[in-house]
């Protein structure tokens, strides 16, 4: 097979894997909503258990089937620790944005990561940044605004800290994408990266929850608060499902796609997630799709088509 065909297959596989990641991750918000609303679990406690259960689910798979993936070279250990801390910071920023600004504003701001990733990828990794990619970024962001319902002006009447936290969540999500891209360049397996980044993130979130001074909202007041769900086994099952399903598989597929696509491209494809979440919520939670949400969904789909067309055009140009 010619190098050009290999490159085409690689891009095709990367696009499909990133799209599959968006489909799986779209269930994240649904499960989190069920747990937070039905059991009133503080956000950072929920975030800790989510990361902890990801590690718990991934470890047996890696230990028994792929033990070699648990071995990390000394030169990569510091990198994975920093990666995990970045993931923990993203969890904190996003959670604070939801707590202080509401879910709709937080969703819009976290998907500003598409723009951050495109710009940082261009300056740090020399990833291409043409007019069509910028148009895709603009359409994706505008679509996220409409799908999330952030066109409601009352939703923006929040405090400055919430808005700043939301912007940082987008920036940190972009940094996570770039870290994932760099991990593949260092020769790290995507599942190794996922396991150790979530292990460090879980440890960091545990430490934050157990801080003697509650400087961050939605944390535990004591160690016993971490287990406030008690014998509510359905809630524990939902947390396990959240970790082993959308988080583990979704982030795993996303990390794999980062080895096949530019980080900005993979991140743009992931902005399809809010559309899928809205559709899923319509069927599972009886949430209605408004005209505005439908228009926003259409904008994101058009952005993905434009992005895909751009990739094909670029490959044809290189082949001539």
Protein backbone atom coordinates (compact mmCIF):
# COMPACT_ATOMS: atom_id res chain seq x y z
CA UNK A 1 0.00 0.00 0.00
CA UNK A 2 1.35 3.43 -0.97
CA UNK A 3 2.27 6.01 1.71
CA UNK A 4 -0.57 8.23 0.50
CA UNK A 5 -3.14 5.44 0.91
CA UNK A 6 -1.78 4.69 4.36
CA UNK A 7 -2.17 8.36 5.27
CA UNK A 8 -5.74 8.39 3.94
CA UNK A 9 -6.64 5.26 5.92
CA UNK A 10 -5.04 6.74 9.03
CA UNK A 11 -7.09 9.93 8.70
CA UNK A 12 -10.29 7.99 8.00
CA UNK A 13 -9.76 5.76 11.03
CA UNK A 14 -8.91 8.75 13.20
CA UNK A 15 -12.07 10.60 12.14
CA UNK A 16 -14.29 7.58 12.87
CA UNK A 17 -12.62 6.88 16.23
CA UNK A 18 -12.95 10.52 17.31
CA UNK A 19 -16.61 10.48 16.25
CA UNK A 20 -17.17 7.24 18.22
CA UNK A 21 -15.54 8.95 21.20
CA UNK A 22 -18.04 11.82 20.93
CA UNK A 23 -20.93 9.34 20.82
CA UNK A 24 -19.75 7.53 23.95
CA UNK A 25 -18.85 10.72 25.85
CA UNK A 26 -22.29 12.17 25.11
CA UNK A 27 -23.73 9.93 27.83
CA UNK A 28 -21.50 11.55 30.46
CA UNK A 29 -23.76 14.54 31.13
CA UNK A 30 -26.85 12.32 31.29
CA UNK A 31 -25.39 10.08 34.01
CA UNK A 32 -23.90 12.99 35.96
CA UNK A 33 -27.29 14.72 35.88
CA UNK A 34 -28.99 11.60 37.24
CA UNK A 35 -26.50 11.24 40.11
CA UNK A 36 -26.32 14.93 41.04
CA UNK A 37 -30.06 15.56 40.92
CA UNK A 38 -31.29 12.33 42.51
CA UNK A 39 -28.59 11.91 45.18
CA UNK A 40 -27.29 15.51 45.63
CA UNK A 41 -23.66 14.38 45.55
CA UNK A 42 -21.25 17.38 45.68
CA UNK A 43 -19.56 17.90 42.34
CA UNK A 44 -15.93 17.38 43.37
CA UNK A 45 -16.81 14.23 45.30
CA UNK A 46 -18.52 12.96 42.17
CA UNK A 47 -15.44 13.92 40.13
CA UNK A 48 -13.17 11.98 42.51
CA UNK A 49 -15.25 8.80 42.34
CA UNK A 50 -15.48 9.11 38.58
CA UNK A 51 -11.69 9.22 38.22
CA UNK A 52 -11.15 6.56 40.91
CA UNK A 53 -13.54 4.12 39.25
CA UNK A 54 -11.86 4.71 35.87
CA UNK A 55 -8.61 3.50 37.43
CA UNK A 56 -10.42 0.62 39.14
CA UNK A 57 -11.99 -0.50 35.84
CA UNK A 58 -8.84 -0.08 33.75
CA UNK A 59 -6.39 -1.80 36.09
CA UNK A 60 -7.68 -5.42 35.77
CA UNK A 61 -7.83 -5.10 31.98
CA UNK A 62 -4.25 -3.83 31.78
CA UNK A 63 -2.86 -6.13 34.50
CA UNK A 64 -4.24 -9.39 33.11
CA UNK A 65 -4.38 -8.70 29.37
CA UNK A 66 -1.77 -6.03 28.67
CA UNK A 67 0.62 -5.92 31.67
CA UNK A 68 3.32 -4.33 29.54
CA UNK A 69 1.21 -1.19 29.27
CA UNK A 70 1.60 -0.61 33.01
CA UNK A 71 5.36 -0.24 32.63
CA UNK A 72 6.43 3.36 32.18
CA UNK A 73 9.92 4.55 31.38
CA UNK A 74 11.50 6.89 33.89
CA UNK A 75 11.64 9.67 31.30
CA UNK A 76 7.83 9.62 31.02
CA UNK A 77 6.92 9.56 34.70
CA UNK A 78 7.14 13.31 35.30
CA UNK A 79 5.22 13.95 32.08
CA UNK A 80 2.36 11.66 33.19
CA UNK A 81 2.23 13.33 36.62
CA UNK A 82 1.91 16.75 35.00
CA UNK A 83 -0.68 15.32 32.59
CA UNK A 84 -2.73 13.96 35.51
CA UNK A 85 -2.56 17.25 37.39
CA UNK A 86 -3.76 19.06 34.24
CA UNK A 87 -6.69 16.63 34.06
CA UNK A 88 -7.52 17.25 37.74
CA UNK A 89 -7.37 21.02 37.19
CA UNK A 90 -9.72 20.67 34.23
CA UNK A 91 -12.18 18.72 36.42
CA UNK A 92 -12.02 21.42 39.09
CA UNK A 93 -12.44 24.33 36.65
CA UNK A 94 -15.34 22.70 34.84
CA UNK A 95 -17.05 21.76 38.11
CA UNK A 96 -16.71 25.30 39.46
CA UNK A 97 -18.09 26.69 36.19
CA UNK A 98 -21.14 24.44 36.49
CA UNK A 99 -21.58 25.33 40.17
CA UNK A 100 -21.16 29.08 39.79
CA UNK A 101 -22.49 29.74 36.28
CA UNK A 102 -24.86 26.90 35.48
CA UNK A 103 -24.56 23.96 33.12
CA UNK A 104 -25.40 25.82 29.92
CA UNK A 105 -22.73 28.51 30.33
CA UNK A 106 -20.15 25.93 31.47
CA UNK A 107 -20.86 23.77 28.42
CA UNK A 108 -20.34 26.68 26.05
CA UNK A 109 -17.12 27.76 27.73
CA UNK A 110 -15.60 24.27 27.94
CA UNK A 111 -16.11 23.84 24.19
CA UNK A 112 -14.15 27.00 23.60
CA UNK A 113 -11.37 24.39 23.81
CA UNK A 114 -11.88 23.87 20.06
CA UNK A 115 -10.53 27.37 19.44
CA UNK A 116 -7.81 27.10 22.07
CA UNK A 117 -6.66 23.72 20.69
CA UNK A 118 -6.51 24.98 17.11
CA UNK A 119 -4.47 28.03 18.12
CA UNK A 120 -2.13 26.26 20.58
CA UNK A 121 -1.69 23.34 18.18
CA UNK A 122 -0.69 25.78 15.46
CA UNK A 123 1.88 27.65 17.58
CA UNK A 124 3.27 24.70 19.58
CA UNK A 125 3.08 21.79 17.11
CA UNK A 126 2.92 23.65 13.78
CA UNK A 127 -0.49 22.13 12.99
CA UNK A 128 -2.10 23.70 9.93
CA UNK A 129 -4.59 26.49 10.57
CA UNK A 130 -6.39 27.53 7.39
CA UNK A 131 -9.58 29.39 6.64
CA UNK A 132 -11.69 26.23 6.54
CA UNK A 133 -10.47 25.05 9.93
CA UNK A 134 -11.12 28.49 11.41
CA UNK A 135 -14.60 28.40 9.87
CA UNK A 136 -15.13 24.98 11.50
CA UNK A 137 -14.01 26.38 14.85
CA UNK A 138 -16.41 29.32 14.54
CA UNK A 139 -19.36 27.13 13.53
CA UNK A 140 -18.66 24.64 16.32
CA UNK A 141 -18.50 27.32 18.98
CA UNK A 142 -21.62 29.07 17.70
CA UNK A 143 -23.44 25.73 17.52
CA UNK A 144 -22.43 24.91 21.11
CA UNK A 145 -23.85 28.25 22.24
CA UNK A 146 -27.21 27.44 20.65
CA UNK A 147 -27.36 23.77 21.68
CA UNK A 148 -26.52 24.54 25.31
CA UNK A 149 -29.26 27.18 25.57
CA UNK A 150 -26.82 29.94 26.44
CA UNK A 151 -28.71 32.37 24.22
CA UNK A 152 -30.89 32.93 27.27
CA UNK A 153 -29.53 36.24 28.56
CA UNK A 154 -30.52 35.45 32.13
CA UNK A 155 -28.03 32.58 32.12
CA UNK A 156 -25.17 35.06 31.62
CA UNK A 157 -26.07 37.09 34.70
CA UNK A 158 -23.59 35.19 36.85
CA UNK A 159 -20.50 36.15 38.81
CA UNK A 160 -17.12 36.80 37.23
CA UNK A 161 -15.45 33.83 38.95
CA UNK A 162 -17.86 31.43 37.28
CA UNK A 163 -17.16 32.85 33.83
CA UNK A 164 -13.39 32.83 34.42
CA UNK A 165 -13.58 29.23 35.66
CA UNK A 166 -15.47 28.27 32.51
CA UNK A 167 -12.91 29.90 30.25
CA UNK A 168 -10.12 28.09 32.11
CA UNK A 169 -12.00 24.80 31.70
CA UNK A 170 -11.91 25.32 27.93
CA UNK A 171 -8.22 26.21 28.03
CA UNK A 172 -7.41 23.21 30.25
CA UNK A 173 -9.40 20.86 28.00
CA UNK A 174 -7.34 22.14 25.09
CA UNK A 175 -4.17 21.52 27.11
CA UNK A 176 -5.42 17.97 27.83
CA UNK A 177 -5.80 17.41 24.07
CA UNK A 178 -2.32 18.72 23.38
CA UNK A 179 -0.86 16.59 26.18
CA UNK A 180 -2.56 13.56 24.63
CA UNK A 181 -1.09 14.41 21.23
CA UNK A 182 2.36 14.85 22.75
CA UNK A 183 2.01 11.54 24.63
CA UNK A 184 1.68 9.66 21.33
CA UNK A 185 4.74 11.48 20.02
CA UNK A 186 6.64 10.24 23.08
CA UNK A 187 5.65 6.69 22.18
CA UNK A 188 3.18 6.23 25.05
CA UNK A 189 0.26 3.89 24.46
CA UNK A 190 -3.11 5.74 24.70
CA UNK A 191 -4.34 3.34 27.41
CA UNK A 192 -1.16 3.80 29.43
CA UNK A 193 -1.65 7.54 29.20
CA UNK A 194 -5.28 7.27 30.25
CA UNK A 195 -4.59 4.99 33.22
CA UNK A 196 -1.82 7.05 34.78
CA UNK A 197 -3.35 10.46 34.05
CA UNK A 198 -6.59 9.41 35.77
CA UNK A 199 -4.64 7.80 38.63
CA UNK A 200 -2.83 11.08 39.31
CA UNK A 201 -6.07 13.07 38.84
CA UNK A 202 -7.92 10.83 41.33
CA UNK A 203 -5.13 11.27 43.89
CA UNK A 204 -5.16 15.04 43.38
CA UNK A 205 -8.96 15.23 43.74
CA UNK A 206 -8.83 13.09 46.88
CA UNK A 207 -6.28 15.46 48.40
CA UNK A 208 -8.40 18.49 47.45
CA UNK A 209 -11.54 16.93 48.94
CA UNK A 210 -9.70 16.29 52.20
CA UNK A 211 -8.19 19.76 52.57
CA UNK A 212 -8.70 21.00 56.14
CA UNK A 213 -9.95 24.34 54.83
CA UNK A 214 -12.83 24.36 52.34
CA UNK A 215 -11.48 26.89 49.87
CA UNK A 216 -13.13 25.13 46.92
CA UNK A 217 -16.92 24.65 46.82
CA UNK A 218 -18.60 21.27 46.39
CA UNK A 219 -15.91 19.29 48.24
CA UNK A 220 -16.08 16.88 51.17
CA UNK A 221 -16.00 18.30 54.69
CA UNK A 222 -14.48 15.09 56.07
CA UNK A 223 -13.33 11.66 54.91
CA UNK A 224 -16.72 10.17 55.79
CA UNK A 225 -18.41 12.61 53.38
CA UNK A 226 -16.79 10.76 50.51
CA UNK A 227 -19.07 7.82 51.35
CA UNK A 228 -22.26 9.80 51.89
CA UNK A 229 -24.06 7.66 49.29
CA UNK A 230 -23.94 4.85 51.87
CA UNK A 231 -26.00 1.87 50.75
CA UNK A 232 -27.64 3.62 47.83
CA UNK A 233 -26.38 0.94 45.46
CA UNK A 234 -28.08 2.40 42.40
CA UNK A 235 -26.04 5.58 42.81
CA UNK A 236 -22.81 3.58 43.12
CA UNK A 237 -23.80 1.57 40.04
CA UNK A 238 -24.35 4.79 38.09
CA UNK A 239 -20.92 6.09 39.14
CA UNK A 240 -19.34 2.81 38.07
CA UNK A 241 -21.22 2.98 34.77
CA UNK A 242 -20.10 6.59 34.31
CA UNK A 243 -16.46 5.59 34.83
CA UNK A 244 -16.37 2.28 32.98
CA UNK A 245 -18.53 3.45 30.08
CA UNK A 246 -18.46 7.08 28.87
CA UNK A 247 -15.27 8.09 30.69
CA UNK A 248 -12.98 5.08 30.21
CA UNK A 249 -14.10 4.14 26.70
CA UNK A 250 -14.77 7.73 25.60
CA UNK A 251 -11.43 9.17 26.73
CA UNK A 252 -9.64 6.00 25.59
CA UNK A 253 -10.98 6.38 22.06
CA UNK A 254 -10.21 10.10 22.15
CA UNK A 255 -6.60 9.41 23.15
CA UNK A 256 -6.31 6.92 20.29
CA UNK A 257 -7.68 9.48 17.82
CA UNK A 258 -5.04 11.97 18.97
CA UNK A 259 -2.42 9.59 17.61
CA UNK A 260 -4.09 9.58 14.19
CA UNK A 261 -5.26 13.19 13.83
CA UNK A 262 -4.05 16.66 14.66
CA UNK A 263 -5.20 17.56 18.18
CA UNK A 264 -7.22 20.51 16.83
CA UNK A 265 -9.04 18.23 14.38
CA UNK A 266 -9.85 15.60 17.02
CA UNK A 267 -11.07 18.28 19.42
CA UNK A 268 -13.30 19.84 16.78
CA UNK A 269 -14.90 16.47 16.07
CA UNK A 270 -15.58 16.10 19.79
CA UNK A 271 -17.75 19.21 19.72
CA UNK A 272 -20.37 16.92 18.20
CA UNK A 273 -20.87 15.63 21.77
CA UNK A 274 -23.36 18.36 22.88
CA UNK A 275 -25.56 17.54 19.90
CA UNK A 276 -25.59 13.85 20.81
CA UNK A 277 -26.18 14.65 24.49
CA UNK A 278 -29.19 16.78 23.57
CA UNK A 279 -30.64 14.01 21.39
CA UNK A 280 -30.01 11.39 24.09
CA UNK A 281 -31.61 13.59 26.75
CA UNK A 282 -34.67 13.95 24.53
CA UNK A 283 -35.23 10.18 24.52
CA UNK A 284 -34.00 9.24 28.01
CA UNK A 285 -34.98 12.30 30.06
CA UNK A 286 -37.87 13.61 27.93
CA UNK A 287 -36.06 16.91 27.38
CA UNK A 288 -37.44 18.70 24.32
CA UNK A 289 -35.37 19.85 21.37
CA UNK A 290 -36.14 23.51 20.71
CA UNK A 291 -35.79 25.19 17.35
CA UNK A 292 -32.65 26.95 18.59
CA UNK A 293 -31.08 23.67 19.67
CA UNK A 294 -31.88 22.10 16.31
CA UNK A 295 -30.25 25.03 14.49
CA UNK A 296 -27.17 24.75 16.72
CA UNK A 297 -26.98 21.00 16.10
CA UNK A 298 -27.11 21.65 12.38
CA UNK A 299 -24.26 24.17 12.63
CA UNK A 300 -22.04 21.65 14.40
CA UNK A 301 -22.83 18.97 11.81
CA UNK A 302 -22.00 21.42 9.00
CA UNK A 303 -18.72 22.23 10.77
CA UNK A 304 -17.81 18.53 10.87
CA UNK A 305 -18.67 18.12 7.18
CA UNK A 306 -16.56 21.18 6.36
CA UNK A 307 -13.70 19.79 8.45
CA UNK A 308 -13.94 16.42 6.70
CA UNK A 309 -14.04 18.11 3.29
CA UNK A 310 -10.97 20.12 4.24
CA UNK A 311 -9.04 16.95 5.17
CA UNK A 312 -9.87 15.31 1.84
CA UNK A 313 -8.96 18.45 -0.10
CA UNK A 314 -5.65 18.71 1.74
CA UNK A 315 -4.76 15.09 0.94
CA UNK A 316 -5.66 15.55 -2.75
CA UNK A 317 -3.46 18.65 -2.86
CA UNK A 318 -0.51 16.78 -1.37
CA UNK A 319 -0.99 13.90 -3.79
CA UNK A 320 -0.76 16.10 -6.91
